[in-house]
Amino acid sequence: MTAADASATAAPAMPAPAAPAVRFVGNPRAYWRLLIRGAALLAVTLGIYRFWFATDVRRFLWSNTEVSGETLE
């Protein structure tokens, strides 16, 4: 088999699908404030606040992250 025969029988290369554009549109300072407040409340409540803290962080990240121009929320 020659190189010409091998290239003729090879499947054509398919272009890779474009990855969705993911970007964070929120204010990093607001995120750090949320983390610091949550850490303080976690320490004061001896860990009971962790459920609300996780929810606050999830809400913040989902509402401030865009995937292909749409927010995750």
PDB file of N, CA and C in Angstrom:
ATOM      1  N   MET A   1       0.848  -1.156   0.000  1.00  0.00           N
ATOM      2  CA  MET A   1       0.000   0.000   0.000  1.00  0.00           C
ATOM      3  C   MET A   1       0.899   1.227   0.000  1.00  0.00           C
ATOM      4  N   THR A   2       0.629   2.141  -0.871  1.00  0.00           N
ATOM      5  CA  THR A   2       1.431   3.367  -0.970  1.00  0.00           C
ATOM      6  C   THR A   2       0.821   4.441  -0.083  1.00  0.00           C
ATOM      7  N   ALA A   3       1.553   5.504   0.072  1.00  0.00           N
ATOM      8  CA  ALA A   3       1.080   6.612   0.906  1.00  0.00           C
ATOM      9  C   ALA A   3      -0.163   7.244   0.308  1.00  0.00           C
ATOM     10  N   ALA A   4      -0.244   7.275  -1.036  1.00  0.00           N
ATOM     11  CA  ALA A   4      -1.422   7.853  -1.687  1.00  0.00           C
ATOM     12  C   ALA A   4      -2.653   6.996  -1.413  1.00  0.00           C
ATOM     13  N   ASP A   5      -2.499   5.670  -1.420  1.00  0.00           N
ATOM     14  CA  ASP A   5      -3.623   4.779  -1.131  1.00  0.00           C
ATOM     15  C   ASP A   5      -4.069   4.923   0.328  1.00  0.00           C
ATOM     16  N   ALA A   6      -3.116   5.063   1.222  1.00  0.00           N
ATOM     17  CA  ALA A   6      -3.440   5.184   2.637  1.00  0.00           C
ATOM     18  C   ALA A   6      -4.192   6.477   2.918  1.00  0.00           C
ATOM     19  N   SER A   7      -3.778   7.565   2.258  1.00  0.00           N
ATOM     20  CA  SER A   7      -4.463   8.842   2.497  1.00  0.00           C
ATOM     21  C   SER A   7      -5.849   8.841   1.864  1.00  0.00           C
ATOM     22  N   ALA A   8      -6.039   8.086   0.784  1.00  0.00           N
ATOM     23  CA  ALA A   8      -7.345   8.032   0.140  1.00  0.00           C
ATOM     24  C   ALA A   8      -8.338   7.231   0.964  1.00  0.00           C
ATOM     25  N   THR A   9      -7.866   6.228   1.703  1.00  0.00           N
ATOM     26  CA  THR A   9      -8.782   5.404   2.488  1.00  0.00           C
ATOM     27  C   THR A   9      -8.988   5.940   3.898  1.00  0.00           C
ATOM     28  N   ALA A  10      -8.167   6.875   4.337  1.00  0.00           N
ATOM     29  CA  ALA A  10      -8.302   7.435   5.684  1.00  0.00           C
ATOM     30  C   ALA A  10      -9.546   8.310   5.753  1.00  0.00           C
ATOM     31  N   ALA A  11     -10.220   8.254   6.880  1.00  0.00           N
ATOM     32  CA  ALA A  11     -11.421   9.069   7.076  1.00  0.00           C
ATOM     33  C   ALA A  11     -11.016  10.537   7.179  1.00  0.00           C
ATOM     34  N   PRO A  12     -11.831  11.415   6.636  1.00  0.00           N
ATOM     35  CA  PRO A  12     -11.496  12.842   6.730  1.00  0.00           C
ATOM     36  C   PRO A  12     -11.567  13.307   8.189  1.00  0.00           C
ATOM     37  N   ALA A  13     -10.716  14.221   8.518  1.00  0.00           N
ATOM     38  CA  ALA A  13     -10.657  14.725   9.893  1.00  0.00           C
ATOM     39  C   ALA A  13     -11.887  15.582  10.169  1.00  0.00           C
ATOM     40  N   MET A  14     -12.559  15.291  11.278  1.00  0.00           N
ATOM     41  CA  MET A  14     -13.731  16.067  11.675  1.00  0.00           C
ATOM     42  C   MET A  14     -13.264  17.215  12.557  1.00  0.00           C
ATOM     43  N   PRO A  15     -13.809  18.402  12.358  1.00  0.00           N
ATOM     44  CA  PRO A  15     -13.411  19.506  13.232  1.00  0.00           C
ATOM     45  C   PRO A  15     -13.944  19.270  14.643  1.00  0.00           C
ATOM     46  N   ALA A  16     -13.144  19.635  15.593  1.00  0.00           N
ATOM     47  CA  ALA A  16     -13.540  19.458  16.995  1.00  0.00           C
ATOM     48  C   ALA A  16     -14.656  20.449  17.326  1.00  0.00           C
ATOM     49  N   PRO A  17     -15.639  20.023  18.128  1.00  0.00           N
ATOM     50  CA  PRO A  17     -16.700  20.957  18.498  1.00  0.00           C
ATOM     51  C   PRO A  17     -16.134  22.084  19.348  1.00  0.00           C
ATOM     52  N   ALA A  18     -16.655  23.266  19.138  1.00  0.00           N
ATOM     53  CA  ALA A  18     -16.170  24.424  19.881  1.00  0.00           C
ATOM     54  C   ALA A  18     -16.619  24.335  21.330  1.00  0.00           C
ATOM     55  N   ALA A  19     -15.709  24.582  22.225  1.00  0.00           N
ATOM     56  CA  ALA A  19     -16.029  24.565  23.652  1.00  0.00           C
ATOM     57  C   ALA A  19     -16.844  25.815  23.985  1.00  0.00           C
ATOM     58  N   PRO A  20     -17.834  25.677  24.855  1.00  0.00           N
ATOM     59  CA  PRO A  20     -18.631  26.852  25.208  1.00  0.00           C
ATOM     60  C   PRO A  20     -17.779  27.868  25.966  1.00  0.00           C
ATOM     61  N   ALA A  21     -18.058  29.118  25.716  1.00  0.00           N
ATOM     62  CA  ALA A  21     -17.320  30.190  26.373  1.00  0.00           C
ATOM     63  C   ALA A  21     -17.848  30.347  27.799  1.00  0.00           C
ATOM     64  N   VAL A  22     -17.002  30.103  28.781  1.00  0.00           N
ATOM     65  CA  VAL A  22     -17.379  30.229  30.189  1.00  0.00           C
ATOM     66  C   VAL A  22     -16.622  31.415  30.760  1.00  0.00           C
ATOM     67  N   ARG A  23     -17.363  32.318  31.414  1.00  0.00           N
ATOM     68  CA  ARG A  23     -16.692  33.460  32.021  1.00  0.00           C
ATOM     69  C   ARG A  23     -17.409  33.877  33.287  1.00  0.00           C
ATOM     70  N   PHE A  24     -16.644  34.392  34.227  1.00  0.00           N
ATOM     71  CA  PHE A  24     -17.162  34.884  35.497  1.00  0.00           C
ATOM     72  C   PHE A  24     -17.398  36.374  35.341  1.00  0.00           C
ATOM     73  N   VAL A  25     -18.622  36.828  35.551  1.00  0.00           N
ATOM     74  CA  VAL A  25     -18.956  38.238  35.352  1.00  0.00           C
ATOM     75  C   VAL A  25     -19.164  38.979  36.661  1.00  0.00           C
ATOM     76  N   GLY A  26     -19.026  38.288  37.777  1.00  0.00           N
ATOM     77  CA  GLY A  26     -19.250  38.910  39.084  1.00  0.00           C
ATOM     78  C   GLY A  26     -18.049  39.708  39.557  1.00  0.00           C
ATOM     79  N   ASN A  27     -18.267  40.393  40.654  1.00  0.00           N
ATOM     80  CA  ASN A  27     -17.226  41.199  41.272  1.00  0.00           C
ATOM     81  C   ASN A  27     -16.407  40.312  42.215  1.00  0.00           C
ATOM     82  N   PRO A  28     -15.106  40.174  41.976  1.00  0.00           N
ATOM     83  CA  PRO A  28     -14.280  39.336  42.858  1.00  0.00           C
ATOM     84  C   PRO A  28     -14.279  39.819  44.317  1.00  0.00           C
ATOM     85  N   ARG A  29     -14.396  41.139  44.512  1.00  0.00           N
ATOM     86  CA  ARG A  29     -14.430  41.669  45.882  1.00  0.00           C
ATOM     87  C   ARG A  29     -15.672  41.196  46.624  1.00  0.00           C
ATOM     88  N   ALA A  30     -16.801  41.160  45.931  1.00  0.00           N
ATOM     89  CA  ALA A  30     -18.044  40.696  46.554  1.00  0.00           C
ATOM     90  C   ALA A  30     -17.927  39.219  46.916  1.00  0.00           C
ATOM     91  N   TYR A  31     -17.257  38.455  46.080  1.00  0.00           N
ATOM     92  CA  TYR A  31     -17.058  37.030  46.362  1.00  0.00           C
ATOM     93  C   TYR A  31     -16.195  36.845  47.606  1.00  0.00           C
ATOM     94  N   TRP A  32     -15.111  37.615  47.712  1.00  0.00           N
ATOM     95  CA  TRP A  32     -14.240  37.512  48.882  1.00  0.00           C
ATOM     96  C   TRP A  32     -14.965  37.950  50.146  1.00  0.00           C
ATOM     97  N   ARG A  33     -15.803  39.005  50.038  1.00  0.00           N
ATOM     98  CA  ARG A  33     -16.596  39.430  51.188  1.00  0.00           C
ATOM     99  C   ARG A  33     -17.527  38.316  51.654  1.00  0.00           C
ATOM    100  N   LEU A  34     -18.144  37.645  50.683  1.00  0.00           N
ATOM    101  CA  LEU A  34     -19.029  36.523  50.996  1.00  0.00           C
ATOM    102  C   LEU A  34     -18.263  35.406  51.708  1.00  0.00           C
ATOM    103  N   LEU A  35     -17.066  35.100  51.214  1.00  0.00           N
ATOM    104  CA  LEU A  35     -16.255  34.047  51.832  1.00  0.00           C
ATOM    105  C   LEU A  35     -15.815  34.415  53.241  1.00  0.00           C
ATOM    106  N   ILE A  36     -15.413  35.659  53.444  1.00  0.00           N
ATOM    107  CA  ILE A  36     -14.951  36.088  54.766  1.00  0.00           C
ATOM    108  C   ILE A  36     -16.115  36.094  55.759  1.00  0.00           C
ATOM    109  N   ARG A  37     -17.260  36.628  55.329  1.00  0.00           N
ATOM    110  CA  ARG A  37     -18.439  36.638  56.203  1.00  0.00           C
ATOM    111  C   ARG A  37     -18.857  35.213  56.544  1.00  0.00           C
ATOM    112  N   GLY A  38     -18.845  34.330  55.539  1.00  0.00           N
ATOM    113  CA  GLY A  38     -19.221  32.942  55.773  1.00  0.00           C
ATOM    114  C   GLY A  38     -18.263  32.233  56.709  1.00  0.00           C
ATOM    115  N   ALA A  39     -16.973  32.498  56.560  1.00  0.00           N
ATOM    116  CA  ALA A  39     -15.991  31.867  57.445  1.00  0.00           C
ATOM    117  C   ALA A  39     -16.170  32.358  58.882  1.00  0.00           C
ATOM    118  N   ALA A  40     -16.466  33.634  59.048  1.00  0.00           N
ATOM    119  CA  ALA A  40     -16.685  34.178  60.388  1.00  0.00           C
ATOM    120  C   ALA A  40     -17.929  33.555  61.028  1.00  0.00           C
ATOM    121  N   LEU A  41     -19.011  33.475  60.265  1.00  0.00           N
ATOM    122  CA  LEU A  41     -20.235  32.875  60.798  1.00  0.00           C
ATOM    123  C   LEU A  41     -20.057  31.386  61.074  1.00  0.00           C
ATOM    124  N   LEU A  42     -19.259  30.729  60.257  1.00  0.00           N
ATOM    125  CA  LEU A  42     -18.974  29.317  60.493  1.00  0.00           C
ATOM    126  C   LEU A  42     -18.250  29.128  61.822  1.00  0.00           C
ATOM    127  N   ALA A  43     -17.302  30.009  62.103  1.00  0.00           N
ATOM    128  CA  ALA A  43     -16.549  29.912  63.356  1.00  0.00           C
ATOM    129  C   ALA A  43     -17.434  30.239  64.554  1.00  0.00           C
ATOM    130  N   VAL A  44     -18.279  31.263  64.431  1.00  0.00           N
ATOM    131  CA  VAL A  44     -19.124  31.682  65.548  1.00  0.00           C
ATOM    132  C   VAL A  44     -20.176  30.620  65.865  1.00  0.00           C
ATOM    133  N   THR A  45     -20.745  30.008  64.826  1.00  0.00           N
ATOM    134  CA  THR A  45     -21.810  29.022  65.041  1.00  0.00           C
ATOM    135  C   THR A  45     -21.277  27.600  65.167  1.00  0.00           C
ATOM    136  N   LEU A  46     -19.970  27.449  65.229  1.00  0.00           N
ATOM    137  CA  LEU A  46     -19.315  26.139  65.369  1.00  0.00           C
ATOM    138  C   LEU A  46     -19.711  25.167  64.257  1.00  0.00           C
ATOM    139  N   GLY A  47     -19.833  25.689  63.044  1.00  0.00           N
ATOM    140  CA  GLY A  47     -20.068  24.844  61.879  1.00  0.00           C
ATOM    141  C   GLY A  47     -21.510  24.676  61.471  1.00  0.00           C
ATOM    142  N   ILE A  48     -22.448  25.159  62.268  1.00  0.00           N
ATOM    143  CA  ILE A  48     -23.867  24.996  61.915  1.00  0.00           C
ATOM    144  C   ILE A  48     -24.206  25.798  60.658  1.00  0.00           C
ATOM    145  N   TYR A  49     -23.533  26.926  60.432  1.00  0.00           N
ATOM    146  CA  TYR A  49     -23.822  27.800  59.296  1.00  0.00           C
ATOM    147  C   TYR A  49     -23.354  27.212  57.966  1.00  0.00           C
ATOM    148  N   ARG A  50     -22.661  26.088  57.979  1.00  0.00           N
ATOM    149  CA  ARG A  50     -22.045  25.572  56.744  1.00  0.00           C
ATOM    150  C   ARG A  50     -23.058  25.293  55.638  1.00  0.00           C
ATOM    151  N   PHE A  51     -24.270  24.897  55.972  1.00  0.00           N
ATOM    152  CA  PHE A  51     -25.278  24.607  54.954  1.00  0.00           C
ATOM    153  C   PHE A  51     -25.718  25.890  54.240  1.00  0.00           C
ATOM    154  N   TRP A  52     -25.955  26.951  55.009  1.00  0.00           N
ATOM    155  CA  TRP A  52     -26.344  28.220  54.420  1.00  0.00           C
ATOM    156  C   TRP A  52     -25.168  28.851  53.676  1.00  0.00           C
ATOM    157  N   PHE A  53     -23.982  28.637  54.179  1.00  0.00           N
ATOM    158  CA  PHE A  53     -22.776  29.158  53.526  1.00  0.00           C
ATOM    159  C   PHE A  53     -22.601  28.524  52.146  1.00  0.00           C
ATOM    160  N   ALA A  54     -22.757  27.215  52.082  1.00  0.00           N
ATOM    161  CA  ALA A  54     -22.630  26.526  50.789  1.00  0.00           C
ATOM    162  C   ALA A  54     -23.707  27.012  49.813  1.00  0.00           C
ATOM    163  N   THR A  55     -24.905  27.244  50.309  1.00  0.00           N
ATOM    164  CA  THR A  55     -25.986  27.741  49.459  1.00  0.00           C
ATOM    165  C   THR A  55     -25.690  29.147  48.965  1.00  0.00           C
ATOM    166  N   ASP A  56     -25.185  30.012  49.839  1.00  0.00           N
ATOM    167  CA  ASP A  56     -24.845  31.378  49.433  1.00  0.00           C
ATOM    168  C   ASP A  56     -23.759  31.386  48.363  1.00  0.00           C
ATOM    169  N   VAL A  57     -22.732  30.565  48.540  1.00  0.00           N
ATOM    170  CA  VAL A  57     -21.639  30.500  47.564  1.00  0.00           C
ATOM    171  C   VAL A  57     -22.156  29.967  46.227  1.00  0.00           C
ATOM    172  N   ARG A  58     -22.971  28.915  46.272  1.00  0.00           N
ATOM    173  CA  ARG A  58     -23.523  28.344  45.040  1.00  0.00           C
ATOM    174  C   ARG A  58     -24.380  29.367  44.300  1.00  0.00           C
ATOM    175  N   ARG A  59     -25.239  30.068  45.017  1.00  0.00           N
ATOM    176  CA  ARG A  59     -26.089  31.087  44.382  1.00  0.00           C
ATOM    177  C   ARG A  59     -25.253  32.184  43.746  1.00  0.00           C
ATOM    178  N   PHE A  60     -24.212  32.632  44.466  1.00  0.00           N
ATOM    179  CA  PHE A  60     -23.360  33.690  43.937  1.00  0.00           C
ATOM    180  C   PHE A  60     -22.658  33.240  42.661  1.00  0.00           C
ATOM    181  N   LEU A  61     -22.063  32.053  42.703  1.00  0.00           N
ATOM    182  CA  LEU A  61     -21.322  31.575  41.537  1.00  0.00           C
ATOM    183  C   LEU A  61     -22.249  31.305  40.356  1.00  0.00           C
ATOM    184  N   TRP A  62     -23.401  30.702  40.593  1.00  0.00           N
ATOM    185  CA  TRP A  62     -24.318  30.397  39.497  1.00  0.00           C
ATOM    186  C   TRP A  62     -24.890  31.666  38.873  1.00  0.00           C
ATOM    187  N   SER A  63     -25.158  32.680  39.664  1.00  0.00           N
ATOM    188  CA  SER A  63     -25.740  33.894  39.105  1.00  0.00           C
ATOM    189  C   SER A  63     -24.694  34.782  38.440  1.00  0.00           C
ATOM    190  N   ASN A  64     -23.414  34.548  38.705  1.00  0.00           N
ATOM    191  CA  ASN A  64     -22.366  35.388  38.135  1.00  0.00           C
ATOM    192  C   ASN A  64     -21.451  34.657  37.167  1.00  0.00           C
ATOM    193  N   THR A  65     -21.854  33.497  36.701  1.00  0.00           N
ATOM    194  CA  THR A  65     -21.080  32.749  35.720  1.00  0.00           C
ATOM    195  C   THR A  65     -21.916  32.592  34.461  1.00  0.00           C
ATOM    196  N   GLU A  66     -21.335  32.911  33.328  1.00  0.00           N
ATOM    197  CA  GLU A  66     -22.022  32.786  32.046  1.00  0.00           C
ATOM    198  C   GLU A  66     -21.395  31.676  31.222  1.00  0.00           C
ATOM    199  N   VAL A  67     -22.235  30.873  30.596  1.00  0.00           N
ATOM    200  CA  VAL A  67     -21.801  29.852  29.650  1.00  0.00           C
ATOM    201  C   VAL A  67     -22.493  30.177  28.337  1.00  0.00           C
ATOM    202  N   SER A  68     -21.730  30.556  27.352  1.00  0.00           N
ATOM    203  CA  SER A  68     -22.244  30.956  26.046  1.00  0.00           C
ATOM    204  C   SER A  68     -23.282  32.069  26.169  1.00  0.00           C
ATOM    205  N   GLY A  69     -23.046  33.013  27.059  1.00  0.00           N
ATOM    206  CA  GLY A  69     -23.918  34.177  27.205  1.00  0.00           C
ATOM    207  C   GLY A  69     -25.114  33.977  28.109  1.00  0.00           C
ATOM    208  N   GLU A  70     -25.318  32.791  28.666  1.00  0.00           N
ATOM    209  CA  GLU A  70     -26.447  32.507  29.553  1.00  0.00           C
ATOM    210  C   GLU A  70     -25.928  32.223  30.955  1.00  0.00           C
ATOM    211  N   THR A  71     -26.600  32.793  31.971  1.00  0.00           N
ATOM    212  CA  THR A  71     -26.190  32.508  33.344  1.00  0.00           C
ATOM    213  C   THR A  71     -26.668  31.104  33.721  1.00  0.00           C
ATOM    214  N   LEU A  72     -26.024  30.522  34.697  1.00  0.00           N
ATOM    215  CA  LEU A  72     -26.371  29.157  35.118  1.00  0.00           C
ATOM    216  C   LEU A  72     -27.625  29.140  35.975  1.00  0.00           C
ATOM    217  N   GLU A  73     -28.006  30.268  36.508  1.00  0.00           N
ATOM    218  CA  GLU A  73     -29.167  30.319  37.392  1.00  0.00           C
ATOM    219  C   GLU A  73     -30.465  30.209  36.628  1.00  0.00           C
TER     220      GLU A  73
END
